[in-house]
N, C-alpha and C. Protein backbone atom coordinates (compact mmCIF):
# COMPACT_ATOMS: atom_id res chain seq x y z
N MET A 1 17.84 29.63 10.26
CA MET A 1 18.96 28.74 10.03
C MET A 1 20.21 29.55 9.75
N ALA A 2 21.32 29.12 10.32
CA ALA A 2 22.60 29.76 10.09
C ALA A 2 23.58 28.73 9.53
N LYS A 3 24.74 29.20 9.07
CA LYS A 3 25.75 28.32 8.52
C LYS A 3 27.08 28.62 9.20
N THR A 4 27.95 27.62 9.21
CA THR A 4 29.27 27.82 9.80
C THR A 4 30.30 27.12 8.94
N GLU A 5 31.54 27.59 8.98
CA GLU A 5 32.62 26.97 8.23
C GLU A 5 33.19 25.76 8.95
N GLU A 6 32.85 25.60 10.25
CA GLU A 6 33.39 24.50 11.03
C GLU A 6 32.67 23.19 10.70
N SER A 7 33.42 22.09 10.64
CA SER A 7 32.84 20.78 10.36
C SER A 7 32.53 20.08 11.67
N ILE A 8 31.37 20.40 12.26
CA ILE A 8 30.97 19.83 13.53
C ILE A 8 29.54 19.34 13.45
N ARG A 9 29.20 18.40 14.34
CA ARG A 9 27.83 17.88 14.42
C ARG A 9 27.45 17.70 15.87
N GLY A 10 26.14 17.73 16.12
CA GLY A 10 25.67 17.46 17.47
C GLY A 10 24.88 18.62 18.05
N LYS A 11 24.55 18.50 19.33
CA LYS A 11 23.72 19.48 20.00
C LYS A 11 24.49 20.09 21.16
N VAL A 12 24.45 21.42 21.25
CA VAL A 12 25.03 22.16 22.36
C VAL A 12 23.94 23.08 22.90
N GLY A 13 23.46 22.78 24.11
CA GLY A 13 22.34 23.57 24.64
C GLY A 13 21.14 23.44 23.75
N ASN A 14 20.63 24.58 23.26
CA ASN A 14 19.49 24.58 22.37
C ASN A 14 19.91 24.75 20.91
N THR A 15 21.20 24.53 20.63
CA THR A 15 21.71 24.69 19.28
C THR A 15 22.12 23.33 18.71
N VAL A 16 21.69 23.06 17.47
CA VAL A 16 22.00 21.80 16.80
C VAL A 16 22.86 22.08 15.58
N PHE A 17 23.97 21.36 15.46
CA PHE A 17 24.83 21.45 14.30
C PHE A 17 24.62 20.19 13.47
N TYR A 18 24.39 20.35 12.14
CA TYR A 18 24.17 19.19 11.29
C TYR A 18 24.73 19.47 9.90
N ARG A 19 24.96 18.35 9.15
CA ARG A 19 25.58 18.44 7.84
C ARG A 19 24.53 18.26 6.75
N VAL A 20 24.61 19.07 5.70
CA VAL A 20 23.84 18.92 4.48
C VAL A 20 24.82 18.97 3.34
N GLY A 21 25.12 17.81 2.76
CA GLY A 21 26.16 17.76 1.74
C GLY A 21 27.51 18.10 2.36
N ASN A 22 28.19 19.08 1.80
CA ASN A 22 29.49 19.52 2.33
C ASN A 22 29.37 20.74 3.24
N GLU A 23 28.15 21.06 3.62
CA GLU A 23 27.90 22.29 4.36
C GLU A 23 27.42 21.98 5.78
N THR A 24 27.95 22.70 6.76
CA THR A 24 27.49 22.56 8.14
C THR A 24 26.47 23.65 8.42
N ARG A 25 25.31 23.26 8.95
CA ARG A 25 24.25 24.22 9.25
C ARG A 25 23.95 24.21 10.75
N VAL A 26 23.35 25.30 11.18
CA VAL A 26 23.05 25.48 12.60
C VAL A 26 21.59 25.87 12.75
N ARG A 27 20.91 25.23 13.70
CA ARG A 27 19.53 25.63 14.01
C ARG A 27 19.31 25.50 15.51
N SER A 28 18.31 26.18 16.00
CA SER A 28 18.00 26.13 17.42
C SER A 28 16.80 25.22 17.65
N THR A 29 16.69 24.69 18.86
CA THR A 29 15.56 23.86 19.23
C THR A 29 14.75 24.57 20.32
N ALA A 30 13.52 24.16 20.45
CA ALA A 30 12.66 24.76 21.48
C ALA A 30 13.19 24.40 22.86
N SER A 31 13.29 25.36 23.74
CA SER A 31 13.87 25.12 25.06
C SER A 31 12.92 24.37 25.99
N ASN A 32 11.63 24.41 25.71
CA ASN A 32 10.65 23.77 26.60
C ASN A 32 9.89 22.65 25.88
N TYR A 33 10.60 21.96 24.96
CA TYR A 33 9.95 20.89 24.19
C TYR A 33 9.55 19.74 25.12
N ILE A 34 8.33 19.28 24.95
CA ILE A 34 7.82 18.15 25.74
C ILE A 34 7.27 17.10 24.77
N ASP A 35 7.76 15.88 24.89
CA ASP A 35 7.27 14.80 24.05
C ASP A 35 5.94 14.31 24.63
N ALA A 36 4.88 14.48 23.88
CA ALA A 36 3.56 14.08 24.36
C ALA A 36 3.46 12.56 24.51
N ASP A 37 4.29 11.83 23.78
CA ASP A 37 4.33 10.37 23.87
C ASP A 37 2.94 9.76 23.70
N THR A 38 2.29 10.17 22.63
CA THR A 38 0.97 9.63 22.33
C THR A 38 1.11 8.24 21.74
N VAL A 39 -0.01 7.53 21.65
CA VAL A 39 -0.03 6.21 21.05
C VAL A 39 0.49 6.27 19.62
N LYS A 40 0.08 7.29 18.88
CA LYS A 40 0.51 7.44 17.50
C LYS A 40 2.01 7.68 17.41
N GLN A 41 2.54 8.51 18.31
CA GLN A 41 3.98 8.78 18.31
C GLN A 41 4.78 7.52 18.64
N ARG A 42 4.30 6.74 19.58
CA ARG A 42 4.99 5.50 19.92
C ARG A 42 4.97 4.52 18.75
N ALA A 43 3.83 4.47 18.06
CA ALA A 43 3.72 3.59 16.90
C ALA A 43 4.67 4.03 15.80
N ASN A 44 4.76 5.34 15.58
CA ASN A 44 5.66 5.88 14.56
C ASN A 44 7.12 5.55 14.88
N ARG A 45 7.48 5.67 16.16
CA ARG A 45 8.85 5.35 16.55
C ARG A 45 9.14 3.86 16.36
N SER A 46 8.13 3.04 16.63
CA SER A 46 8.29 1.60 16.43
C SER A 46 8.48 1.28 14.95
N CYS A 47 7.70 1.94 14.09
CA CYS A 47 7.84 1.74 12.65
C CYS A 47 9.23 2.14 12.18
N LEU A 48 9.72 3.24 12.74
CA LEU A 48 11.06 3.69 12.38
C LEU A 48 12.11 2.66 12.76
N ARG A 49 11.99 2.10 13.94
CA ARG A 49 12.95 1.08 14.38
C ARG A 49 12.90 -0.15 13.47
N VAL A 50 11.71 -0.52 13.05
CA VAL A 50 11.55 -1.67 12.16
C VAL A 50 12.20 -1.39 10.81
N ALA A 51 11.96 -0.19 10.28
CA ALA A 51 12.54 0.19 9.00
C ALA A 51 14.07 0.22 9.07
N VAL A 52 14.60 0.73 10.16
CA VAL A 52 16.05 0.78 10.35
C VAL A 52 16.62 -0.64 10.41
N ARG A 53 15.91 -1.53 11.10
CA ARG A 53 16.38 -2.92 11.21
C ARG A 53 16.43 -3.57 9.84
N PHE A 54 15.43 -3.30 9.00
CA PHE A 54 15.44 -3.86 7.65
C PHE A 54 16.61 -3.30 6.85
N TYR A 55 16.83 -1.99 6.96
CA TYR A 55 17.90 -1.36 6.17
C TYR A 55 19.26 -1.92 6.54
N GLN A 56 19.44 -2.32 7.79
CA GLN A 56 20.72 -2.88 8.21
C GLN A 56 21.12 -4.07 7.34
N HIS A 57 20.14 -4.81 6.85
CA HIS A 57 20.42 -6.00 6.04
C HIS A 57 20.79 -5.64 4.60
N LEU A 58 20.68 -4.37 4.24
CA LEU A 58 21.06 -3.93 2.89
C LEU A 58 22.50 -3.48 2.83
N LYS A 59 23.10 -3.26 3.99
CA LYS A 59 24.47 -2.75 4.03
C LYS A 59 25.44 -3.75 3.41
N GLY A 60 26.36 -3.21 2.64
CA GLY A 60 27.37 -4.04 1.99
C GLY A 60 26.87 -4.80 0.78
N THR A 61 25.64 -4.51 0.33
CA THR A 61 25.08 -5.19 -0.83
C THR A 61 24.88 -4.20 -1.97
N ILE A 62 24.51 -4.72 -3.12
CA ILE A 62 24.24 -3.87 -4.27
C ILE A 62 23.06 -2.92 -4.00
N LEU A 63 22.17 -3.30 -3.08
CA LEU A 63 21.03 -2.44 -2.76
C LEU A 63 21.50 -1.16 -2.08
N GLN A 64 22.46 -1.25 -1.20
CA GLN A 64 23.00 -0.05 -0.57
C GLN A 64 23.64 0.85 -1.62
N GLU A 65 24.35 0.25 -2.57
CA GLU A 65 24.97 1.04 -3.63
C GLU A 65 23.91 1.73 -4.48
N ALA A 66 22.82 1.02 -4.77
CA ALA A 66 21.75 1.60 -5.58
C ALA A 66 21.15 2.83 -4.90
N TRP A 67 20.99 2.77 -3.57
CA TRP A 67 20.42 3.91 -2.86
C TRP A 67 21.42 5.06 -2.77
N LYS A 68 22.71 4.76 -2.72
CA LYS A 68 23.72 5.83 -2.75
C LYS A 68 23.65 6.58 -4.07
N VAL A 69 23.52 5.82 -5.16
CA VAL A 69 23.40 6.44 -6.48
C VAL A 69 22.13 7.27 -6.56
N ALA A 70 21.04 6.73 -6.04
CA ALA A 70 19.76 7.45 -6.09
C ALA A 70 19.81 8.77 -5.34
N ALA A 71 20.58 8.80 -4.25
CA ALA A 71 20.64 10.01 -3.42
C ALA A 71 21.68 11.00 -3.91
N GLY A 72 22.51 10.62 -4.86
CA GLY A 72 23.60 11.47 -5.30
C GLY A 72 23.15 12.86 -5.72
N GLY A 73 23.77 13.90 -5.13
CA GLY A 73 23.47 15.28 -5.49
C GLY A 73 22.21 15.84 -4.88
N SER A 74 21.52 15.06 -4.05
CA SER A 74 20.25 15.53 -3.49
C SER A 74 20.41 16.16 -2.10
N GLY A 75 21.61 16.07 -1.52
CA GLY A 75 21.83 16.63 -0.19
C GLY A 75 21.51 15.66 0.93
N ILE A 76 21.05 14.43 0.57
CA ILE A 76 20.80 13.41 1.58
C ILE A 76 21.61 12.17 1.21
N ASN A 77 21.71 11.21 2.13
CA ASN A 77 22.45 9.99 1.82
C ASN A 77 21.49 8.87 1.43
N GLY A 78 22.05 7.70 1.08
CA GLY A 78 21.23 6.60 0.63
C GLY A 78 20.25 6.11 1.68
N TYR A 79 20.69 6.10 2.93
CA TYR A 79 19.83 5.68 4.03
C TYR A 79 18.59 6.57 4.11
N ASN A 80 18.79 7.89 4.06
CA ASN A 80 17.67 8.81 4.13
C ASN A 80 16.74 8.67 2.93
N ALA A 81 17.33 8.43 1.76
CA ALA A 81 16.51 8.25 0.56
C ALA A 81 15.63 7.01 0.70
N PHE A 82 16.21 5.93 1.22
CA PHE A 82 15.44 4.71 1.43
C PHE A 82 14.31 4.93 2.43
N MET A 83 14.64 5.58 3.55
CA MET A 83 13.64 5.79 4.60
C MET A 83 12.51 6.70 4.12
N LYS A 84 12.86 7.72 3.37
CA LYS A 84 11.84 8.66 2.89
C LYS A 84 10.80 7.96 2.03
N LEU A 85 11.24 6.99 1.23
CA LEU A 85 10.34 6.32 0.31
C LEU A 85 9.63 5.13 0.95
N ASN A 86 10.28 4.47 1.91
CA ASN A 86 9.76 3.20 2.42
C ASN A 86 9.28 3.20 3.86
N MET A 87 9.43 4.29 4.57
CA MET A 87 9.11 4.34 6.00
C MET A 87 7.71 3.81 6.30
N THR A 88 6.72 4.21 5.51
CA THR A 88 5.34 3.84 5.81
C THR A 88 4.99 2.42 5.41
N VAL A 89 5.93 1.70 4.80
CA VAL A 89 5.68 0.32 4.41
C VAL A 89 5.76 -0.61 5.62
N PHE A 90 6.53 -0.21 6.64
CA PHE A 90 6.79 -1.07 7.79
C PHE A 90 5.77 -0.83 8.90
N ARG A 91 5.47 -1.90 9.65
CA ARG A 91 4.49 -1.83 10.72
C ARG A 91 5.17 -1.85 12.07
N SER A 92 4.47 -1.34 13.06
CA SER A 92 5.03 -1.26 14.41
C SER A 92 5.20 -2.62 15.06
N ASP A 93 4.56 -3.66 14.51
CA ASP A 93 4.69 -5.00 15.08
C ASP A 93 5.90 -5.74 14.54
N GLY A 94 6.75 -5.04 13.78
CA GLY A 94 7.98 -5.63 13.29
C GLY A 94 7.88 -6.31 11.94
N LYS A 95 6.80 -6.06 11.21
CA LYS A 95 6.59 -6.73 9.94
C LYS A 95 6.50 -5.72 8.79
N ILE A 96 6.57 -6.25 7.57
CA ILE A 96 6.35 -5.43 6.38
C ILE A 96 4.86 -5.41 6.10
N GLY A 97 4.28 -4.22 6.04
CA GLY A 97 2.84 -4.11 5.88
C GLY A 97 2.34 -4.43 4.48
N ASP A 98 3.08 -4.01 3.47
CA ASP A 98 2.64 -4.21 2.09
C ASP A 98 3.88 -4.41 1.23
N PHE A 99 4.17 -5.66 0.89
CA PHE A 99 5.36 -5.98 0.10
C PHE A 99 5.33 -5.29 -1.27
N SER A 100 4.16 -5.09 -1.83
CA SER A 100 4.07 -4.51 -3.17
C SER A 100 4.47 -3.04 -3.19
N ARG A 101 4.45 -2.38 -2.04
CA ARG A 101 4.83 -0.96 -1.98
C ARG A 101 6.30 -0.76 -1.62
N LEU A 102 6.95 -1.82 -1.18
CA LEU A 102 8.36 -1.72 -0.83
C LEU A 102 9.20 -1.53 -2.08
N GLN A 103 10.07 -0.52 -2.07
CA GLN A 103 10.98 -0.26 -3.18
C GLN A 103 12.40 -0.61 -2.73
N LEU A 104 13.01 -1.60 -3.39
CA LEU A 104 14.38 -1.97 -3.04
C LEU A 104 15.41 -1.21 -3.85
N SER A 105 14.97 -0.56 -4.90
CA SER A 105 15.85 0.33 -5.66
C SER A 105 15.00 1.35 -6.40
N VAL A 106 15.61 2.47 -6.72
CA VAL A 106 14.98 3.47 -7.57
C VAL A 106 16.07 3.98 -8.51
N GLY A 107 15.68 4.63 -9.58
CA GLY A 107 16.70 5.14 -10.49
C GLY A 107 16.14 5.60 -11.82
N LEU A 108 17.05 6.02 -12.70
CA LEU A 108 16.67 6.62 -13.97
C LEU A 108 16.59 5.61 -15.11
N LEU A 109 17.11 4.41 -14.91
CA LEU A 109 16.99 3.43 -15.98
C LEU A 109 15.54 2.99 -16.15
N GLN A 110 15.22 2.60 -17.35
CA GLN A 110 13.85 2.17 -17.64
C GLN A 110 13.58 0.79 -17.03
N LYS A 111 12.37 0.64 -16.50
CA LYS A 111 11.97 -0.66 -15.97
C LYS A 111 11.68 -1.63 -17.12
N ALA A 112 11.56 -2.91 -16.77
CA ALA A 112 11.24 -3.93 -17.77
C ALA A 112 9.81 -3.75 -18.25
N ASN A 113 9.62 -3.84 -19.54
CA ASN A 113 8.27 -3.81 -20.11
C ASN A 113 7.71 -5.22 -20.13
N HIS A 114 6.45 -5.35 -19.74
CA HIS A 114 5.73 -6.62 -19.79
C HIS A 114 6.47 -7.71 -19.01
N LEU A 115 6.88 -7.38 -17.80
CA LEU A 115 7.56 -8.35 -16.95
C LEU A 115 6.58 -9.41 -16.48
N LYS A 116 6.95 -10.68 -16.66
CA LYS A 116 6.10 -11.80 -16.25
C LYS A 116 6.95 -12.87 -15.59
N ALA A 117 6.30 -13.66 -14.74
CA ALA A 117 6.99 -14.77 -14.07
C ALA A 117 6.12 -16.01 -14.13
N THR A 118 6.73 -17.13 -14.46
CA THR A 118 6.06 -18.43 -14.40
C THR A 118 6.86 -19.34 -13.47
N VAL A 119 6.16 -20.21 -12.76
CA VAL A 119 6.81 -21.08 -11.79
C VAL A 119 6.48 -22.53 -12.10
N ALA A 120 7.51 -23.37 -12.22
CA ALA A 120 7.32 -24.80 -12.47
C ALA A 120 7.09 -25.54 -11.15
N ASP A 121 6.73 -26.80 -11.24
CA ASP A 121 6.43 -27.59 -10.05
C ASP A 121 7.64 -27.71 -9.11
N ASP A 122 8.85 -27.65 -9.67
CA ASP A 122 10.05 -27.75 -8.83
C ASP A 122 10.54 -26.40 -8.35
N ASP A 123 9.68 -25.37 -8.45
CA ASP A 123 9.98 -24.00 -8.01
C ASP A 123 11.02 -23.30 -8.88
N THR A 124 11.18 -23.76 -10.10
CA THR A 124 12.02 -23.04 -11.05
C THR A 124 11.22 -21.87 -11.62
N VAL A 125 11.78 -20.68 -11.52
CA VAL A 125 11.09 -19.46 -11.97
C VAL A 125 11.69 -19.00 -13.30
N THR A 126 10.82 -18.65 -14.22
CA THR A 126 11.25 -18.06 -15.48
C THR A 126 10.69 -16.65 -15.57
N LEU A 127 11.60 -15.67 -15.55
CA LEU A 127 11.21 -14.28 -15.72
C LEU A 127 11.39 -13.91 -17.18
N THR A 128 10.40 -13.24 -17.76
CA THR A 128 10.50 -12.78 -19.14
C THR A 128 10.07 -11.33 -19.22
N TRP A 129 10.61 -10.63 -20.21
CA TRP A 129 10.25 -9.22 -20.44
C TRP A 129 10.52 -8.89 -21.91
N GLU A 130 10.08 -7.75 -22.33
CA GLU A 130 10.22 -7.32 -23.71
C GLU A 130 11.69 -7.09 -24.07
N LYS A 131 12.11 -7.60 -25.22
CA LYS A 131 13.47 -7.40 -25.71
C LYS A 131 13.48 -6.32 -26.79
N GLY A 132 14.69 -6.08 -27.34
CA GLY A 132 14.82 -5.23 -28.52
C GLY A 132 14.93 -3.75 -28.25
N MET A 133 15.25 -3.34 -27.01
CA MET A 133 15.41 -1.93 -26.69
C MET A 133 16.89 -1.64 -26.48
N ASP A 134 17.38 -0.54 -27.04
CA ASP A 134 18.76 -0.12 -26.83
C ASP A 134 18.82 1.39 -26.93
N VAL A 135 18.41 2.04 -25.85
CA VAL A 135 18.42 3.50 -25.74
C VAL A 135 19.18 3.86 -24.47
N PRO A 136 19.57 5.13 -24.30
CA PRO A 136 20.37 5.50 -23.12
C PRO A 136 19.77 5.05 -21.78
N SER A 137 18.46 5.00 -21.67
CA SER A 137 17.83 4.61 -20.41
C SER A 137 17.55 3.11 -20.34
N ALA A 138 17.89 2.39 -21.40
CA ALA A 138 17.59 0.95 -21.43
C ALA A 138 18.55 0.24 -22.37
N ARG A 139 19.80 0.10 -21.94
CA ARG A 139 20.81 -0.58 -22.74
C ARG A 139 20.62 -2.09 -22.68
N GLU A 140 20.94 -2.76 -23.77
CA GLU A 140 20.77 -4.21 -23.80
C GLU A 140 21.71 -4.92 -22.83
N ASN A 141 22.84 -4.28 -22.49
CA ASN A 141 23.77 -4.94 -21.57
C ASN A 141 23.55 -4.56 -20.11
N ASP A 142 22.44 -3.89 -19.81
CA ASP A 142 22.09 -3.65 -18.40
C ASP A 142 21.89 -5.00 -17.72
N GLY A 143 22.54 -5.19 -16.56
CA GLY A 143 22.43 -6.45 -15.86
C GLY A 143 21.15 -6.56 -15.04
N LEU A 144 20.59 -7.74 -14.98
CA LEU A 144 19.38 -7.98 -14.19
C LEU A 144 19.76 -8.36 -12.76
N VAL A 145 19.11 -7.75 -11.79
CA VAL A 145 19.28 -8.08 -10.38
C VAL A 145 17.94 -8.57 -9.85
N VAL A 146 17.94 -9.70 -9.16
CA VAL A 146 16.71 -10.24 -8.57
C VAL A 146 16.95 -10.50 -7.09
N VAL A 147 16.07 -9.97 -6.27
CA VAL A 147 16.14 -10.16 -4.82
C VAL A 147 14.82 -10.78 -4.37
N VAL A 148 14.91 -11.77 -3.49
CA VAL A 148 13.71 -12.44 -2.98
C VAL A 148 13.61 -12.24 -1.48
N LEU A 149 12.40 -11.90 -1.03
CA LEU A 149 12.08 -11.89 0.40
C LEU A 149 11.08 -13.02 0.63
N TYR A 150 11.52 -14.05 1.34
CA TYR A 150 10.60 -15.14 1.67
C TYR A 150 9.74 -14.72 2.87
N ALA A 151 8.49 -15.09 2.86
CA ALA A 151 7.55 -14.64 3.88
C ALA A 151 7.98 -15.02 5.28
N ASN A 152 8.67 -16.15 5.44
CA ASN A 152 9.07 -16.60 6.77
C ASN A 152 10.41 -16.03 7.22
N ARG A 153 11.07 -15.26 6.35
CA ARG A 153 12.30 -14.56 6.74
C ARG A 153 12.45 -13.29 5.89
N SER A 154 11.44 -12.46 6.01
CA SER A 154 11.32 -11.31 5.11
C SER A 154 12.33 -10.21 5.36
N PHE A 155 13.08 -10.29 6.46
CA PHE A 155 14.11 -9.28 6.71
C PHE A 155 15.50 -9.79 6.33
N SER A 156 15.52 -10.87 5.56
CA SER A 156 16.79 -11.44 5.09
C SER A 156 16.74 -11.55 3.56
N PRO A 157 17.09 -10.48 2.85
CA PRO A 157 17.05 -10.51 1.39
C PRO A 157 17.95 -11.60 0.82
N VAL A 158 17.43 -12.33 -0.15
CA VAL A 158 18.19 -13.37 -0.83
C VAL A 158 18.50 -12.88 -2.25
N PHE A 159 19.78 -12.83 -2.60
CA PHE A 159 20.19 -12.34 -3.91
C PHE A 159 20.35 -13.53 -4.85
N ILE A 160 19.58 -13.50 -5.92
CA ILE A 160 19.51 -14.62 -6.84
C ILE A 160 20.63 -14.58 -7.88
N ASP A 161 21.22 -15.73 -8.15
CA ASP A 161 22.20 -15.85 -9.22
C ASP A 161 21.44 -15.95 -10.54
N THR A 162 21.48 -14.90 -11.35
CA THR A 162 20.74 -14.88 -12.62
C THR A 162 21.59 -15.34 -13.79
N ASP A 163 22.80 -15.84 -13.51
CA ASP A 163 23.69 -16.37 -14.54
C ASP A 163 23.98 -15.32 -15.62
N GLY A 164 24.18 -14.09 -15.18
CA GLY A 164 24.57 -13.02 -16.10
C GLY A 164 23.45 -12.50 -16.99
N ALA A 165 22.21 -12.69 -16.60
CA ALA A 165 21.08 -12.24 -17.42
C ALA A 165 21.12 -10.73 -17.63
N THR A 166 20.83 -10.30 -18.84
CA THR A 166 20.81 -8.88 -19.19
C THR A 166 19.47 -8.49 -19.79
N ARG A 167 19.27 -7.20 -19.88
CA ARG A 167 18.02 -6.70 -20.46
C ARG A 167 17.80 -7.25 -21.87
N GLY A 168 18.89 -7.30 -22.64
CA GLY A 168 18.77 -7.74 -24.03
C GLY A 168 18.40 -9.20 -24.18
N GLY A 169 18.64 -10.01 -23.14
CA GLY A 169 18.30 -11.42 -23.22
C GLY A 169 16.83 -11.71 -23.11
N GLY A 170 16.13 -10.84 -22.39
CA GLY A 170 14.69 -10.98 -22.28
C GLY A 170 14.22 -12.12 -21.39
N LYS A 171 15.16 -12.80 -20.70
CA LYS A 171 14.75 -13.95 -19.89
C LYS A 171 15.79 -14.24 -18.80
N ALA A 172 15.30 -14.73 -17.67
CA ALA A 172 16.17 -15.22 -16.60
C ALA A 172 15.50 -16.43 -15.97
N ILE A 173 16.29 -17.46 -15.69
CA ILE A 173 15.76 -18.69 -15.09
C ILE A 173 16.54 -18.99 -13.82
N PHE A 174 15.82 -19.24 -12.74
CA PHE A 174 16.46 -19.56 -11.48
C PHE A 174 15.48 -20.37 -10.63
N ARG A 175 16.01 -20.93 -9.55
CA ARG A 175 15.17 -21.77 -8.70
C ARG A 175 15.09 -21.19 -7.30
N LEU A 176 13.90 -21.21 -6.74
CA LEU A 176 13.68 -20.73 -5.39
C LEU A 176 14.02 -21.82 -4.38
N THR A 177 14.34 -21.39 -3.17
CA THR A 177 14.61 -22.32 -2.07
C THR A 177 13.69 -21.95 -0.91
N ARG A 178 12.60 -22.68 -0.79
CA ARG A 178 11.60 -22.35 0.23
C ARG A 178 10.80 -23.59 0.61
N LYS A 179 10.17 -23.50 1.76
CA LYS A 179 9.27 -24.57 2.18
C LYS A 179 7.96 -24.46 1.40
N GLN A 180 7.35 -25.57 1.17
CA GLN A 180 6.10 -25.59 0.41
C GLN A 180 5.06 -24.69 1.08
N GLY A 181 4.42 -23.84 0.27
CA GLY A 181 3.38 -22.96 0.77
C GLY A 181 3.88 -21.60 1.24
N THR A 182 5.20 -21.40 1.25
CA THR A 182 5.77 -20.12 1.68
C THR A 182 5.76 -19.13 0.53
N ALA A 183 5.21 -17.97 0.75
CA ALA A 183 5.17 -16.94 -0.29
C ALA A 183 6.57 -16.39 -0.55
N ALA A 184 6.86 -16.13 -1.81
CA ALA A 184 8.12 -15.51 -2.20
C ALA A 184 7.82 -14.17 -2.87
N HIS A 185 8.45 -13.12 -2.37
CA HIS A 185 8.25 -11.77 -2.91
C HIS A 185 9.48 -11.40 -3.72
N LEU A 186 9.31 -11.30 -5.05
CA LEU A 186 10.42 -11.03 -5.96
C LEU A 186 10.50 -9.55 -6.30
N TYR A 187 11.73 -9.04 -6.26
CA TYR A 187 12.00 -7.66 -6.67
C TYR A 187 13.12 -7.70 -7.70
N SER A 188 12.85 -7.23 -8.90
CA SER A 188 13.87 -7.24 -9.94
C SER A 188 14.09 -5.83 -10.46
N PHE A 189 15.32 -5.57 -10.86
CA PHE A 189 15.66 -4.26 -11.44
C PHE A 189 16.91 -4.41 -12.29
N PHE A 190 17.18 -3.39 -13.10
CA PHE A 190 18.35 -3.41 -13.97
C PHE A 190 19.44 -2.49 -13.41
N LYS A 191 20.67 -2.91 -13.67
CA LYS A 191 21.86 -2.14 -13.24
C LYS A 191 22.71 -1.84 -14.46
N GLU A 192 23.06 -0.57 -14.62
CA GLU A 192 23.98 -0.19 -15.68
C GLU A 192 25.30 -0.92 -15.50
N LYS A 193 25.98 -1.25 -16.59
CA LYS A 193 27.16 -2.11 -16.56
C LYS A 193 28.18 -1.69 -15.51
N GLU A 194 28.43 -0.39 -15.38
CA GLU A 194 29.43 0.11 -14.43
C GLU A 194 28.83 0.42 -13.05
N GLY A 195 27.55 0.16 -12.88
CA GLY A 195 26.91 0.39 -11.59
C GLY A 195 26.64 1.86 -11.31
N LYS A 196 26.55 2.68 -12.34
CA LYS A 196 26.33 4.11 -12.15
C LYS A 196 24.87 4.51 -12.27
N ALA A 197 24.02 3.56 -12.62
CA ALA A 197 22.59 3.85 -12.75
C ALA A 197 21.80 2.57 -12.53
N TYR A 198 20.57 2.74 -12.02
CA TYR A 198 19.70 1.61 -11.72
C TYR A 198 18.27 1.95 -12.15
N SER A 199 17.45 0.93 -12.27
CA SER A 199 16.02 1.16 -12.48
C SER A 199 15.29 0.92 -11.18
N ALA A 200 14.04 1.36 -11.13
CA ALA A 200 13.22 1.10 -9.95
C ALA A 200 12.87 -0.39 -9.90
N SER A 201 12.82 -0.94 -8.71
CA SER A 201 12.50 -2.35 -8.57
C SER A 201 11.04 -2.61 -8.94
N GLN A 202 10.82 -3.80 -9.51
CA GLN A 202 9.48 -4.24 -9.88
C GLN A 202 9.11 -5.48 -9.06
N TYR A 203 7.89 -5.52 -8.59
CA TYR A 203 7.47 -6.53 -7.61
C TYR A 203 6.58 -7.60 -8.24
N ILE A 204 6.85 -8.85 -7.89
CA ILE A 204 5.99 -9.97 -8.26
C ILE A 204 5.91 -10.93 -7.07
N ARG A 205 4.71 -11.31 -6.71
CA ARG A 205 4.53 -12.29 -5.62
C ARG A 205 4.32 -13.66 -6.23
N ILE A 206 5.03 -14.64 -5.71
CA ILE A 206 4.91 -16.00 -6.23
C ILE A 206 4.55 -16.96 -5.09
């Protein structure tokens, strides 16, 4: 690997220019590379396309910001951080293989202790968690974020209005909007007041 002071990207002949942070690096590629195009390689490429399609729906949302924060100082961007952690969750048939393994956020803030969800007959959900914590990794004014993926439109994240729920409140109440019998996959996490830190998302299926 070599480095250059020029800010360029792309491929010239067998030479590839790429960026890592604020640095431009140079590497060579094999001149006689042949893509074997095996069944496994095709499946992997399909999974990648599915993962990319899902990530497109995170753009412009708090989830994209959370991944930018998570990637800060690591030499990669939020997109790469998301793909590195979630790539294997997606299937080549265009679906999410395991909702419980999908991470919609990661971070240094503490997750909710003893997170539970109850659902009423009218689909009103009550989330509860342990209160009484106020440490640097778990401030009482950390805001709660809840995202729902409905099984029949799992690539369209729904951001729930939690009415300003915070970690210190220990509770959030909201209502789902779904057809009877449709599974709802809930992902909740905390956001530092200024949006400079997040916790890892926690999953509950309802």
